[in-house]
Amino acid sequence: MKGNFPIQKFNNLQTPFYFYDTELLRETLQTVVAEATKYDYHIHYAVKANANSRILSIIRENGLGADCVSGGEIQAALNAGFPAGKIVFAGVGKADWEINLGLDNDIFCFNAESIPELEVINELAGLKGKTARVALRINPEINAHTHHHITTGMKENKFGINLDQLDKVLDTLETLPFVKLIGLHFHIGSQLTEMEPFQALCNRVNELQQRLAKRKITVEHINFGGGLGIDYEHPNRHSLPDFKEYFQLFHKHFPAYPNQKVHFEPGRSIVGQCGSLISKVLYVKEGSVKKFIILDAGFTELIRPALYEAYHKIENLSSEEPEEMYDVVGPICESSDCFGKQLDLNKAHRGDIIAIRSAGAYGEIMASQYNCRQLPKAYFSDLI
């Protein structure tokens, strides 16, 4: 079954563009909040997934905080009305001006990833007469079995503090008067569809808490990051990830200490399914060995297939004719500008409307102007 799209209205709009189902977004947010509230978990939306201003406003209206990885994302969150006290700032390379922006706005926490970063945060906080709250991002050395470009929790990854470095970091913290340790932060990877890696993460955090206890250290906050995946193959059948099972797992396998707060940073799982890239067929080209659907959208609008070899379900919204096999490609002068190969789609004609599904995360936000192309516009189901 194809998605529910207002195709008649699409015919009057200049393609390519992003279309967001705001009803689905709100349903997803309501589900996340309901399931997290059962255990008093705190949710910070990962802004890097989609920073469209209206998307951010809807997420903020539902009471979530913001997980930011740049000064620009901090500013976008503030502009959207997120309380500074609910903003966390992660990222392996924080520039001085970005740290100062966080300090000036008194954000909730910096997720720090190295001793040099802690020293810079301490220096900048001291110059302002402030104390910066920090959580240590620990690399738990867990293989999440996801694409190698989006795994983050192994020793060879650039992210986080390795387990064998933790004692040295804790010793250094004792020499930094303008930094206060309030928590531990983790993130093992993205687009995880099996629960086993999350259970392994719980076990590792339990071990770390015991290790800290030997140093008489108890942190107020544990942040498990994000990573919960979505179903790219069946966006209609599974429009919402299983947040119930996800949060139940952490509740079962991670017994928080008294008064300890538990945080999560979902991104893709919140916005992924609500967004589609809408494009038109420019040409149907018959080659010697295959047929091509050439779209007016390319990897400048959605880079995931070219960057990660990612799969997105593609639908011809204009046709109910029998299926034929096509490679679906874009107009960019690169061979990697391909959305899918040997796909069965309803017979295509010039001008047909094509929907590339599950593009709400890492779609619009990663768009570029390569080939001097214009950035795509966004339309919303409740405003179109």
Protein backbone atom coordinates (compact mmCIF):
# COMPACT_ATOMS: atom_id res chain seq x y z
CA MET A 1 0.00 0.00 0.00
CA LYS A 2 1.26 3.44 -0.92
CA GLY A 3 1.38 6.23 1.61
CA ASN A 4 -1.47 8.68 2.06
CA PHE A 5 -0.37 11.72 0.06
CA PRO A 6 -2.37 14.71 -1.29
CA ILE A 7 -1.11 14.06 -4.80
CA GLN A 8 -3.46 16.54 -6.48
CA LYS A 9 -1.88 19.32 -4.43
CA PHE A 10 1.59 18.00 -5.23
CA ASN A 11 0.94 18.57 -8.94
CA ASN A 12 0.87 22.32 -8.30
CA LEU A 13 4.13 22.47 -6.35
CA GLN A 14 7.66 22.83 -7.70
CA THR A 15 9.60 19.64 -7.09
CA PRO A 16 11.72 18.39 -5.48
CA PHE A 17 10.51 19.17 -1.96
CA TYR A 18 10.13 17.56 1.44
CA PHE A 19 6.66 16.66 2.67
CA TYR A 20 6.08 16.13 6.38
CA ASP A 21 3.13 14.27 7.88
CA THR A 22 2.68 16.36 11.02
CA GLU A 23 -0.10 14.08 12.31
CA LEU A 24 2.31 11.15 12.31
CA LEU A 25 5.01 13.28 13.95
CA ARG A 26 2.65 14.25 16.75
CA GLU A 27 1.50 10.65 17.20
CA THR A 28 5.14 9.55 17.42
CA LEU A 29 5.93 12.23 19.99
CA GLN A 30 2.90 11.36 22.09
CA THR A 31 3.97 7.71 22.09
CA VAL A 32 7.56 8.55 23.05
CA VAL A 33 6.45 10.78 25.90
CA ALA A 34 3.88 8.27 27.18
CA GLU A 35 6.33 5.36 27.21
CA ALA A 36 9.22 7.37 28.70
CA THR A 37 7.00 8.89 31.39
CA LYS A 38 6.25 5.41 32.77
CA TYR A 39 9.81 5.32 34.09
CA ASP A 40 10.39 9.05 34.57
CA TYR A 41 12.91 9.05 31.71
CA HIS A 42 14.05 12.36 30.21
CA ILE A 43 14.06 12.79 26.42
CA HIS A 44 16.26 15.16 24.41
CA TYR A 45 15.57 15.23 20.67
CA ALA A 46 18.74 14.83 18.55
CA VAL A 47 18.57 18.01 16.47
CA LYS A 48 21.06 16.71 13.90
CA ALA A 49 18.35 14.41 12.50
CA ASN A 50 16.20 17.31 11.29
CA ALA A 51 16.45 20.97 12.26
CA ASN A 52 13.53 22.28 10.21
CA SER A 53 12.19 25.15 12.35
CA ARG A 54 8.58 23.94 12.33
CA ILE A 55 9.62 20.36 13.13
CA LEU A 56 11.62 21.71 16.09
CA SER A 57 8.68 23.77 17.30
CA ILE A 58 6.33 20.77 17.25
CA ILE A 59 8.87 18.67 19.16
CA ARG A 60 9.38 21.42 21.72
CA GLU A 61 5.60 21.74 22.17
CA ASN A 62 5.59 18.12 23.32
CA GLY A 63 8.00 18.86 26.15
CA LEU A 64 11.22 17.31 24.86
CA GLY A 65 14.65 18.79 25.42
CA ALA A 66 17.31 19.12 22.72
CA ASP A 67 20.52 17.21 22.04
CA CYS A 68 22.86 19.45 20.02
CA VAL A 69 26.21 18.77 18.37
CA SER A 70 27.11 22.30 17.23
CA GLY A 71 26.67 25.91 18.18
CA GLY A 72 24.32 26.30 15.24
CA GLU A 73 22.10 23.54 16.62
CA ILE A 74 22.13 25.16 20.07
CA GLN A 75 20.97 28.41 18.49
CA ALA A 76 18.32 26.63 16.43
CA ALA A 77 17.00 24.95 19.58
CA LEU A 78 16.91 28.26 21.47
CA ASN A 79 15.18 29.94 18.53
CA ALA A 80 12.56 27.18 18.55
CA GLY A 81 11.86 27.83 22.21
CA PHE A 82 13.63 24.91 23.87
CA PRO A 83 14.52 25.85 27.46
CA ALA A 84 18.28 26.19 27.88
CA GLY A 85 17.96 23.97 30.93
CA LYS A 86 16.92 21.10 28.66
CA ILE A 87 19.74 21.49 26.11
CA VAL A 88 22.74 19.16 26.11
CA PHE A 89 25.80 19.84 23.94
CA ALA A 90 27.69 16.84 22.55
CA GLY A 91 30.30 16.52 19.83
CA VAL A 92 33.94 15.53 19.59
CA GLY A 93 35.12 18.95 18.36
CA LYS A 94 33.54 21.88 20.19
CA ALA A 95 34.93 25.27 19.13
CA ASP A 96 35.52 27.97 21.74
CA TRP A 97 32.64 30.12 20.47
CA GLU A 98 30.30 27.13 20.68
CA ILE A 99 31.32 26.40 24.27
CA ASN A 100 30.89 30.08 25.12
CA LEU A 101 27.42 30.05 23.58
CA GLY A 102 26.49 27.16 25.84
CA LEU A 103 27.98 28.86 28.89
CA ASP A 104 26.32 32.20 28.15
CA ASN A 105 22.92 30.50 27.90
CA ASP A 106 23.53 28.26 30.93
CA ILE A 107 22.65 25.06 29.06
CA PHE A 108 22.00 21.93 31.06
CA CYS A 109 25.15 19.99 30.26
CA PHE A 110 28.23 19.56 28.08
CA ASN A 111 28.89 15.96 27.04
CA ALA A 112 32.69 16.03 27.11
CA GLU A 113 34.83 13.60 25.13
CA SER A 114 38.47 14.19 26.10
CA ILE A 115 40.83 15.70 28.65
CA PRO A 116 41.83 18.59 26.31
CA GLU A 117 38.14 19.46 25.87
CA LEU A 118 37.54 19.40 29.62
CA GLU A 119 40.51 21.72 30.13
CA VAL A 120 39.17 24.21 27.56
CA ILE A 121 35.67 24.14 29.06
CA ASN A 122 37.22 24.75 32.49
CA GLU A 123 39.27 27.68 31.17
CA LEU A 124 36.36 29.34 29.38
CA ALA A 125 33.99 28.81 32.30
CA GLY A 126 36.54 30.28 34.67
CA LEU A 127 36.88 33.43 32.55
CA LYS A 128 33.13 33.93 32.95
CA GLY A 129 33.09 33.11 36.65
CA LYS A 130 30.86 30.10 35.97
CA THR A 131 30.91 26.38 36.65
CA ALA A 132 30.14 24.18 33.65
CA ARG A 133 28.12 21.02 34.19
CA VAL A 134 29.61 18.11 32.26
CA ALA A 135 28.86 14.48 31.55
CA LEU A 136 31.71 12.26 30.39
CA ARG A 137 30.99 10.58 27.08
CA ILE A 138 32.31 7.08 27.58
CA ASN A 139 33.12 4.78 24.69
CA PRO A 140 31.63 1.52 25.99
CA GLU A 141 33.44 -0.60 23.38
CA ILE A 142 30.27 -2.32 22.21
CA ASN A 143 29.79 -3.46 18.63
CA ALA A 144 26.34 -2.29 17.59
CA HIS A 145 26.46 -4.26 14.30
CA THR A 146 25.28 -1.33 12.20
CA HIS A 147 26.79 0.37 9.14
CA HIS A 148 30.45 1.20 9.77
CA HIS A 149 29.82 4.88 8.98
CA ILE A 150 27.29 5.22 11.82
CA THR A 151 28.78 3.03 14.54
CA THR A 152 30.24 5.11 17.37
CA GLY A 153 30.86 2.86 20.36
CA MET A 154 34.05 0.98 19.43
CA LYS A 155 37.58 1.75 20.62
CA GLU A 156 38.71 2.74 17.12
CA ASN A 157 35.93 5.35 16.74
CA LYS A 158 36.79 9.02 17.27
CA PHE A 159 34.03 9.47 19.83
CA GLY A 160 34.21 9.31 23.58
CA ILE A 161 36.64 8.39 26.32
CA ASN A 162 37.99 4.84 26.18
CA LEU A 163 37.43 2.67 29.23
CA ASP A 164 41.15 2.40 29.95
CA GLN A 165 41.39 6.21 30.03
CA LEU A 166 38.59 6.80 32.52
CA ASP A 167 40.69 6.88 35.69
CA LYS A 168 43.07 9.43 34.18
CA VAL A 169 40.11 11.61 33.19
CA LEU A 170 38.62 11.39 36.67
CA ASP A 171 41.97 12.35 38.19
CA THR A 172 42.16 15.34 35.84
CA LEU A 173 38.66 16.48 36.80
CA GLU A 174 39.81 16.90 40.38
CA THR A 175 42.19 19.61 39.17
CA LEU A 176 39.53 21.59 37.23
CA PRO A 177 37.66 23.95 39.58
CA PHE A 178 35.21 25.33 37.02
CA VAL A 179 33.86 21.98 35.81
CA LYS A 180 31.35 19.88 37.71
CA LEU A 181 30.85 16.21 36.84
CA ILE A 182 27.12 15.43 36.84
CA GLY A 183 26.79 12.41 34.59
CA LEU A 184 27.90 9.79 32.11
CA HIS A 185 26.93 9.82 28.44
CA PHE A 186 26.89 6.99 25.90
CA HIS A 187 25.94 6.47 22.26
CA ILE A 188 26.81 3.21 20.53
CA GLY A 189 25.54 3.83 17.01
CA SER A 190 22.56 4.62 14.83
CA GLN A 191 19.75 2.70 13.09
CA LEU A 192 19.79 -0.19 15.57
CA THR A 193 16.84 -2.51 15.00
CA GLU A 194 17.81 -5.27 17.43
CA MET A 195 17.70 -4.81 21.20
CA GLU A 196 20.77 -6.87 22.12
CA PRO A 197 23.29 -4.00 21.78
CA PHE A 198 21.19 -1.86 24.12
CA GLN A 199 21.13 -4.67 26.68
CA ALA A 200 24.91 -4.94 26.39
CA LEU A 201 25.12 -1.19 26.96
CA CYS A 202 23.05 -1.50 30.14
CA ASN A 203 25.38 -4.20 31.42
CA ARG A 204 28.43 -2.06 30.68
CA VAL A 205 26.95 0.99 32.43
CA ASN A 206 26.13 -1.14 35.47
CA GLU A 207 29.79 -2.19 35.59
CA LEU A 208 30.94 1.41 35.26
CA GLN A 209 28.70 2.55 38.09
CA GLN A 210 30.32 -0.07 40.33
CA ARG A 211 33.74 1.08 39.18
CA LEU A 212 32.90 4.68 40.05
CA ALA A 213 31.52 3.63 43.43
CA LYS A 214 34.97 2.33 44.36
CA ARG A 215 36.15 5.91 43.93
CA LYS A 216 33.17 7.11 45.97
CA ILE A 217 31.68 8.77 42.87
CA THR A 218 27.95 8.71 42.14
CA VAL A 219 26.66 10.71 39.20
CA GLU A 220 23.24 12.34 39.07
CA HIS A 221 22.56 11.61 35.41
CA ILE A 222 22.97 8.67 33.03
CA ASN A 223 22.46 9.46 29.33
CA PHE A 224 22.08 6.45 27.03
CA GLY A 225 22.06 8.52 23.84
CA GLY A 226 19.94 7.38 20.90
CA GLY A 227 20.23 4.87 18.09
CA LEU A 228 16.81 3.23 17.86
CA GLY A 229 16.14 2.48 14.20
CA ILE A 230 13.09 2.65 11.94
CA ASP A 231 11.66 0.26 9.33
CA TYR A 232 12.77 1.66 5.98
CA GLU A 233 11.27 -1.26 4.05
CA HIS A 234 7.75 -1.02 5.50
CA PRO A 235 7.05 2.62 6.43
CA ASN A 236 3.26 2.14 6.36
CA ARG A 237 3.17 -1.13 8.29
CA HIS A 238 5.64 0.09 10.94
CA SER A 239 5.24 3.85 11.04
CA LEU A 240 6.19 3.95 14.74
CA PRO A 241 9.24 2.24 16.26
CA ASP A 242 8.61 0.00 19.28
CA PHE A 243 9.28 2.58 21.97
CA LYS A 244 7.48 0.39 24.52
CA GLU A 245 9.96 -2.48 24.15
CA TYR A 246 12.88 -0.05 23.96
CA PHE A 247 12.21 1.72 27.25
CA GLN A 248 11.13 -1.52 28.95
CA LEU A 249 14.52 -3.00 28.16
CA PHE A 250 16.39 -0.18 29.87
CA HIS A 251 14.05 -0.29 32.85
CA LYS A 252 14.63 -4.03 33.20
CA HIS A 253 18.40 -4.10 32.71
CA PHE A 254 19.50 -0.79 34.18
CA PRO A 255 18.47 -0.23 37.80
CA ALA A 256 19.09 3.48 38.32
CA TYR A 257 20.43 4.57 41.67
CA PRO A 258 18.09 6.49 44.01
CA ASN A 259 17.49 10.02 42.70
CA GLN A 260 19.50 9.26 39.56
CA LYS A 261 17.92 10.60 36.36
CA VAL A 262 18.04 8.65 33.09
CA HIS A 263 18.17 10.42 29.72
CA PHE A 264 17.78 9.43 26.05
CA GLU A 265 18.52 11.27 22.79
CA PRO A 266 16.33 9.87 19.99
CA GLY A 267 16.43 11.53 16.59
CA ARG A 268 15.72 9.27 13.61
CA SER A 269 13.09 7.29 15.53
CA ILE A 270 11.08 10.48 16.08
CA VAL A 271 11.23 12.17 12.67
CA GLY A 272 12.34 9.49 10.20
CA GLN A 273 8.97 8.16 9.10
CA CYS A 274 7.09 11.48 8.97
CA GLY A 275 9.12 12.85 6.06
CA SER A 276 9.18 11.99 2.35
CA LEU A 277 11.15 13.47 -0.52
CA ILE A 278 8.75 14.25 -3.37
CA SER A 279 10.14 14.36 -6.89
CA LYS A 280 8.98 14.24 -10.52
CA VAL A 281 10.10 12.01 -13.34
CA LEU A 282 12.10 14.00 -15.87
CA TYR A 283 12.72 11.14 -18.26
CA VAL A 284 12.29 7.39 -18.59
CA LYS A 285 15.46 6.24 -20.33
CA GLU A 286 15.78 2.81 -21.89
CA GLY A 287 19.39 1.65 -21.97
CA SER A 288 20.79 -1.46 -23.56
CA VAL A 289 20.47 -3.58 -20.42
CA LYS A 290 18.15 -1.66 -18.07
CA LYS A 291 15.59 1.12 -17.74
CA PHE A 292 16.23 4.31 -15.79
CA ILE A 293 13.80 6.63 -14.07
CA ILE A 294 15.58 9.99 -14.02
CA LEU A 295 14.21 12.24 -11.27
CA ASP A 296 14.55 15.97 -10.66
CA ALA A 297 15.79 15.08 -7.14
CA GLY A 298 19.31 13.85 -6.55
CA PHE A 299 21.77 13.26 -3.75
CA THR A 300 21.80 17.01 -3.21
CA GLU A 301 18.34 16.52 -1.67
CA LEU A 302 18.85 13.07 -0.09
CA ILE A 303 22.44 11.89 0.25
CA ARG A 304 21.87 8.77 2.38
CA PRO A 305 21.78 6.24 -0.50
CA ALA A 306 25.01 7.64 -1.96
CA LEU A 307 26.74 8.06 1.41
CA TYR A 308 25.58 4.94 3.28
CA GLU A 309 24.17 2.75 0.50
CA ALA A 310 20.95 3.27 2.43
CA TYR A 311 17.63 1.82 1.29
CA HIS A 312 14.52 3.99 0.99
CA LYS A 313 11.18 2.67 -0.23
CA ILE A 314 10.23 4.42 -3.49
CA GLU A 315 6.67 4.77 -4.74
CA ASN A 316 5.22 6.05 -8.02
CA LEU A 317 2.21 7.98 -6.74
CA SER A 318 0.90 8.74 -10.23
CA SER A 319 0.68 5.26 -11.68
CA GLU A 320 -1.36 2.13 -11.07
CA GLU A 321 -0.03 0.39 -14.18
CA PRO A 322 1.75 -2.96 -13.91
CA GLU A 323 5.21 -2.87 -12.37
CA GLU A 324 8.40 -2.69 -14.38
CA MET A 325 12.02 -2.83 -13.22
CA TYR A 326 14.02 0.39 -13.07
CA ASP A 327 17.12 2.00 -11.67
CA VAL A 328 15.97 5.23 -10.02
CA VAL A 329 18.57 7.97 -10.41
CA GLY A 330 18.96 11.71 -10.11
CA PRO A 331 20.35 14.47 -12.32
CA ILE A 332 23.65 15.06 -10.51
CA CYS A 333 26.81 14.53 -12.54
CA GLU A 334 28.07 11.69 -10.35
CA SER A 335 27.58 7.95 -10.82
CA SER A 336 26.74 7.63 -7.12
CA ASP A 337 23.59 9.73 -7.67
CA CYS A 338 21.33 6.70 -7.50
CA PHE A 339 18.39 6.09 -5.16
CA GLY A 340 17.92 2.42 -5.95
CA LYS A 341 18.73 -0.27 -8.51
CA GLN A 342 16.51 -2.90 -10.10
CA LEU A 343 13.40 -1.72 -8.30
CA ASP A 344 9.90 -2.85 -9.23
CA LEU A 345 7.74 0.25 -9.62
CA ASN A 346 4.45 0.98 -11.32
CA LYS A 347 5.15 1.86 -14.97
CA ALA A 348 6.64 5.37 -15.07
CA HIS A 349 6.04 8.29 -17.41
CA ARG A 350 7.46 11.78 -17.65
CA GLY A 351 5.84 13.99 -15.02
CA ASP A 352 4.89 11.19 -12.62
CA ILE A 353 5.12 12.07 -8.92
CA ILE A 354 7.62 9.90 -7.01
CA ALA A 355 7.77 9.61 -3.21
CA ILE A 356 11.02 8.54 -1.53
CA ARG A 357 9.85 7.43 1.89
CA SER A 358 11.29 7.51 5.43
CA ALA A 359 13.33 10.62 4.63
CA GLY A 360 12.43 12.73 7.65
CA ALA A 361 15.80 12.06 9.31
CA TYR A 362 19.12 13.00 7.70
CA GLY A 363 17.33 14.17 4.57
CA GLU A 364 16.55 17.87 4.41
CA ILE A 365 19.19 18.64 7.04
CA MET A 366 21.97 17.13 4.88
CA ALA A 367 20.88 18.74 1.61
CA SER A 368 23.56 20.59 -0.34
CA GLN A 369 23.88 23.03 -3.21
CA TYR A 370 26.32 20.95 -5.24
CA ASN A 371 25.91 21.65 -8.98
CA CYS A 372 24.55 25.06 -7.85
CA ARG A 373 21.20 23.48 -7.06
CA GLN A 374 18.64 25.18 -4.83
CA LEU A 375 17.93 23.73 -1.40
CA PRO A 376 14.58 21.93 -1.25
CA LYS A 377 11.52 23.57 0.30
CA ALA A 378 9.38 21.88 2.94
CA TYR A 379 5.60 21.48 3.09
CA PHE A 380 3.45 20.12 5.90
CA SER A 381 0.32 17.96 5.83
CA ASP A 382 -1.65 20.38 8.02
CA LEU A 383 -0.66 23.51 6.08
CA ILE A 384 -0.51 22.44 2.44
